[in-house]
Amino acid sequence: MWVSLRWEAAPHGVHVGFITLGAVANEAEPTPDSASVYTDKKRDRLSRDEAADAVLFMLSRPAGVNVDEMVLTPLKQIV
């Protein structure tokens, strides 16, 4: 569904992309302390800063370039 939105929006200079996020630590601070993103020495959550960085990366592509899809997960996320 989002691909058809991208095709419709592209002539107007609007970029449309899809980001799938794994587990994100929801702490008061954008960059939580290490205890918030690690469980038993395994990095199982992303920080909010890392999620925001993915959005900024997608938005900062040059004109004429679109990032269609991005999947961002912590390496040791428990399913």
N, C-alpha and C. Protein backbone atom coordinates (compact mmCIF):
# COMPACT_ATOMS: atom_id res chain seq x y z
N MET A 1 0.81 -1.18 0.00
CA MET A 1 0.00 0.00 0.00
C MET A 1 0.86 1.26 0.00
N TRP A 2 1.95 1.27 0.80
CA TRP A 2 2.78 2.48 0.85
C TRP A 2 3.51 2.73 -0.46
N VAL A 3 3.74 1.67 -1.26
CA VAL A 3 4.43 1.85 -2.54
C VAL A 3 3.55 2.68 -3.48
N SER A 4 2.25 2.42 -3.50
CA SER A 4 1.38 3.21 -4.38
C SER A 4 1.33 4.66 -3.90
N LEU A 5 1.40 4.89 -2.59
CA LEU A 5 1.45 6.26 -2.08
C LEU A 5 2.73 6.95 -2.55
N ARG A 6 3.84 6.22 -2.55
CA ARG A 6 5.10 6.80 -3.03
C ARG A 6 4.98 7.20 -4.49
N TRP A 7 4.38 6.34 -5.31
CA TRP A 7 4.22 6.66 -6.74
C TRP A 7 3.34 7.89 -6.93
N GLU A 8 2.29 8.00 -6.13
CA GLU A 8 1.39 9.15 -6.25
C GLU A 8 2.05 10.43 -5.75
N ALA A 9 2.89 10.34 -4.73
CA ALA A 9 3.50 11.52 -4.11
C ALA A 9 4.77 11.98 -4.83
N ALA A 10 5.46 11.09 -5.51
CA ALA A 10 6.75 11.40 -6.13
C ALA A 10 6.70 12.60 -7.09
N PRO A 11 5.68 12.74 -7.95
CA PRO A 11 5.65 13.89 -8.84
C PRO A 11 5.58 15.24 -8.11
N HIS A 12 5.19 15.20 -6.85
CA HIS A 12 5.07 16.42 -6.05
C HIS A 12 6.30 16.65 -5.17
N GLY A 13 7.32 15.82 -5.35
CA GLY A 13 8.55 15.97 -4.58
C GLY A 13 8.46 15.43 -3.16
N VAL A 14 7.45 14.62 -2.87
CA VAL A 14 7.27 14.06 -1.53
C VAL A 14 7.89 12.67 -1.48
N HIS A 15 8.74 12.45 -0.49
CA HIS A 15 9.38 11.15 -0.29
C HIS A 15 8.52 10.33 0.67
N VAL A 16 8.34 9.07 0.35
CA VAL A 16 7.57 8.17 1.21
C VAL A 16 8.41 6.92 1.43
N GLY A 17 8.58 6.55 2.69
CA GLY A 17 9.34 5.35 3.03
C GLY A 17 8.70 4.65 4.21
N PHE A 18 9.20 3.46 4.48
CA PHE A 18 8.64 2.62 5.52
C PHE A 18 9.77 2.16 6.42
N ILE A 19 9.67 2.42 7.73
CA ILE A 19 10.69 1.98 8.68
C ILE A 19 10.07 0.98 9.63
N THR A 20 10.67 -0.20 9.70
CA THR A 20 10.26 -1.21 10.67
C THR A 20 11.28 -1.20 11.79
N LEU A 21 10.81 -0.96 13.01
CA LEU A 21 11.70 -0.91 14.16
C LEU A 21 11.54 -2.15 15.02
N GLY A 22 12.66 -2.61 15.57
CA GLY A 22 12.62 -3.64 16.58
C GLY A 22 12.26 -3.00 17.91
N ALA A 23 12.62 -3.63 18.99
CA ALA A 23 12.31 -3.11 20.32
C ALA A 23 13.09 -1.82 20.56
N VAL A 24 12.39 -0.81 21.08
CA VAL A 24 13.01 0.49 21.37
C VAL A 24 12.83 0.78 22.85
N ALA A 25 13.94 1.14 23.53
CA ALA A 25 13.87 1.51 24.94
C ALA A 25 13.10 2.81 25.06
N ASN A 26 12.08 2.83 25.88
CA ASN A 26 11.26 4.02 26.04
C ASN A 26 11.58 4.66 27.39
N GLU A 27 12.69 5.34 27.44
CA GLU A 27 13.13 6.00 28.67
C GLU A 27 12.88 7.50 28.55
N ALA A 28 12.96 8.19 29.67
CA ALA A 28 12.78 9.65 29.67
C ALA A 28 13.85 10.34 28.86
N GLU A 29 15.06 9.82 28.88
CA GLU A 29 16.17 10.40 28.14
C GLU A 29 16.21 9.81 26.72
N PRO A 30 16.48 10.63 25.69
CA PRO A 30 16.56 10.09 24.32
C PRO A 30 17.64 9.01 24.19
N THR A 31 18.75 9.18 24.90
CA THR A 31 19.80 8.16 24.90
C THR A 31 19.84 7.56 26.30
N PRO A 32 19.16 6.43 26.51
CA PRO A 32 19.10 5.86 27.85
C PRO A 32 20.44 5.28 28.29
N ASP A 33 20.57 5.06 29.59
CA ASP A 33 21.80 4.42 30.08
C ASP A 33 21.85 2.99 29.56
N SER A 34 23.01 2.37 29.65
CA SER A 34 23.20 1.06 29.04
C SER A 34 22.29 0.00 29.62
N ALA A 35 21.85 0.16 30.87
CA ALA A 35 20.95 -0.84 31.47
C ALA A 35 19.61 -0.89 30.74
N SER A 36 19.23 0.18 30.08
CA SER A 36 17.95 0.23 29.38
C SER A 36 17.97 -0.48 28.03
N VAL A 37 19.13 -0.63 27.44
CA VAL A 37 19.20 -1.27 26.12
C VAL A 37 19.86 -2.65 26.17
N TYR A 38 20.34 -3.05 27.33
CA TYR A 38 20.97 -4.36 27.49
C TYR A 38 20.20 -5.20 28.49
N THR A 39 20.10 -6.48 28.24
CA THR A 39 19.57 -7.45 29.19
C THR A 39 20.56 -8.61 29.23
N ASP A 40 21.07 -8.89 30.40
CA ASP A 40 22.06 -9.98 30.55
C ASP A 40 23.20 -9.85 29.54
N LYS A 41 23.73 -8.63 29.42
CA LYS A 41 24.85 -8.31 28.53
C LYS A 41 24.52 -8.50 27.05
N LYS A 42 23.24 -8.58 26.70
CA LYS A 42 22.82 -8.68 25.30
C LYS A 42 22.09 -7.40 24.93
N ARG A 43 22.51 -6.78 23.83
CA ARG A 43 21.87 -5.55 23.36
C ARG A 43 20.55 -5.93 22.71
N ASP A 44 19.45 -5.76 23.44
CA ASP A 44 18.16 -6.20 22.92
C ASP A 44 17.15 -5.08 22.68
N ARG A 45 17.60 -3.81 22.80
CA ARG A 45 16.73 -2.67 22.51
C ARG A 45 17.52 -1.58 21.82
N LEU A 46 16.85 -0.80 21.01
CA LEU A 46 17.43 0.39 20.39
C LEU A 46 17.14 1.59 21.28
N SER A 47 17.97 2.61 21.18
CA SER A 47 17.66 3.85 21.87
C SER A 47 16.73 4.68 20.99
N ARG A 48 16.04 5.64 21.58
CA ARG A 48 15.19 6.52 20.79
C ARG A 48 16.02 7.35 19.82
N ASP A 49 17.26 7.70 20.21
CA ASP A 49 18.14 8.43 19.30
C ASP A 49 18.45 7.61 18.05
N GLU A 50 18.64 6.31 18.23
CA GLU A 50 18.93 5.46 17.06
C GLU A 50 17.73 5.37 16.13
N ALA A 51 16.54 5.30 16.70
CA ALA A 51 15.33 5.28 15.87
C ALA A 51 15.18 6.62 15.13
N ALA A 52 15.42 7.72 15.82
CA ALA A 52 15.34 9.04 15.19
C ALA A 52 16.39 9.19 14.10
N ASP A 53 17.58 8.63 14.32
CA ASP A 53 18.64 8.71 13.32
C ASP A 53 18.23 8.01 12.03
N ALA A 54 17.50 6.90 12.15
CA ALA A 54 17.02 6.20 10.95
C ALA A 54 16.06 7.09 10.16
N VAL A 55 15.18 7.80 10.86
CA VAL A 55 14.25 8.71 10.20
C VAL A 55 15.01 9.84 9.52
N LEU A 56 15.98 10.43 10.23
CA LEU A 56 16.77 11.52 9.65
C LEU A 56 17.57 11.06 8.43
N PHE A 57 18.11 9.85 8.50
CA PHE A 57 18.82 9.30 7.34
C PHE A 57 17.90 9.24 6.13
N MET A 58 16.70 8.73 6.35
CA MET A 58 15.75 8.59 5.26
C MET A 58 15.37 9.96 4.68
N LEU A 59 15.17 10.93 5.56
CA LEU A 59 14.76 12.27 5.12
C LEU A 59 15.88 13.08 4.48
N SER A 60 17.13 12.72 4.76
CA SER A 60 18.25 13.54 4.30
C SER A 60 18.83 13.09 2.95
N ARG A 61 18.19 12.16 2.29
CA ARG A 61 18.69 11.74 0.97
C ARG A 61 18.51 12.89 -0.01
N PRO A 62 19.39 12.96 -0.99
CA PRO A 62 19.29 14.04 -1.97
C PRO A 62 18.02 13.96 -2.81
N ALA A 63 17.67 15.07 -3.42
CA ALA A 63 16.50 15.10 -4.31
C ALA A 63 16.64 14.02 -5.37
N GLY A 64 15.58 13.33 -5.62
CA GLY A 64 15.60 12.28 -6.63
C GLY A 64 15.98 10.91 -6.09
N VAL A 65 16.32 10.84 -4.80
CA VAL A 65 16.68 9.56 -4.17
C VAL A 65 15.67 9.27 -3.08
N ASN A 66 15.16 8.05 -3.06
CA ASN A 66 14.19 7.65 -2.04
C ASN A 66 14.64 6.36 -1.38
N VAL A 67 14.58 6.31 -0.07
CA VAL A 67 14.81 5.06 0.66
C VAL A 67 13.42 4.46 0.85
N ASP A 68 13.16 3.37 0.16
CA ASP A 68 11.82 2.78 0.19
C ASP A 68 11.51 2.10 1.51
N GLU A 69 12.48 1.35 2.02
CA GLU A 69 12.21 0.55 3.21
C GLU A 69 13.47 0.38 4.03
N MET A 70 13.31 0.38 5.35
CA MET A 70 14.44 0.20 6.26
C MET A 70 13.96 -0.65 7.43
N VAL A 71 14.76 -1.63 7.82
CA VAL A 71 14.48 -2.46 8.99
C VAL A 71 15.61 -2.24 9.97
N LEU A 72 15.28 -1.82 11.18
CA LEU A 72 16.28 -1.49 12.19
C LEU A 72 15.99 -2.30 13.45
N THR A 73 16.86 -3.22 13.79
CA THR A 73 16.68 -4.04 14.99
C THR A 73 17.99 -4.15 15.75
N PRO A 74 17.91 -4.28 17.08
CA PRO A 74 19.13 -4.53 17.84
C PRO A 74 19.62 -5.94 17.53
N LEU A 75 20.91 -6.10 17.52
CA LEU A 75 21.52 -7.36 17.09
C LEU A 75 21.03 -8.57 17.90
N LYS A 76 20.86 -8.40 19.19
CA LYS A 76 20.50 -9.53 20.05
C LYS A 76 19.05 -9.51 20.51
N GLN A 77 18.17 -8.86 19.74
CA GLN A 77 16.77 -8.79 20.17
C GLN A 77 16.19 -10.18 20.30
N ILE A 78 15.51 -10.40 21.41
CA ILE A 78 14.85 -11.69 21.64
C ILE A 78 13.49 -11.62 20.98
N VAL A 79 13.18 -12.60 20.18
CA VAL A 79 11.93 -12.59 19.45
C VAL A 79 10.78 -13.00 20.35
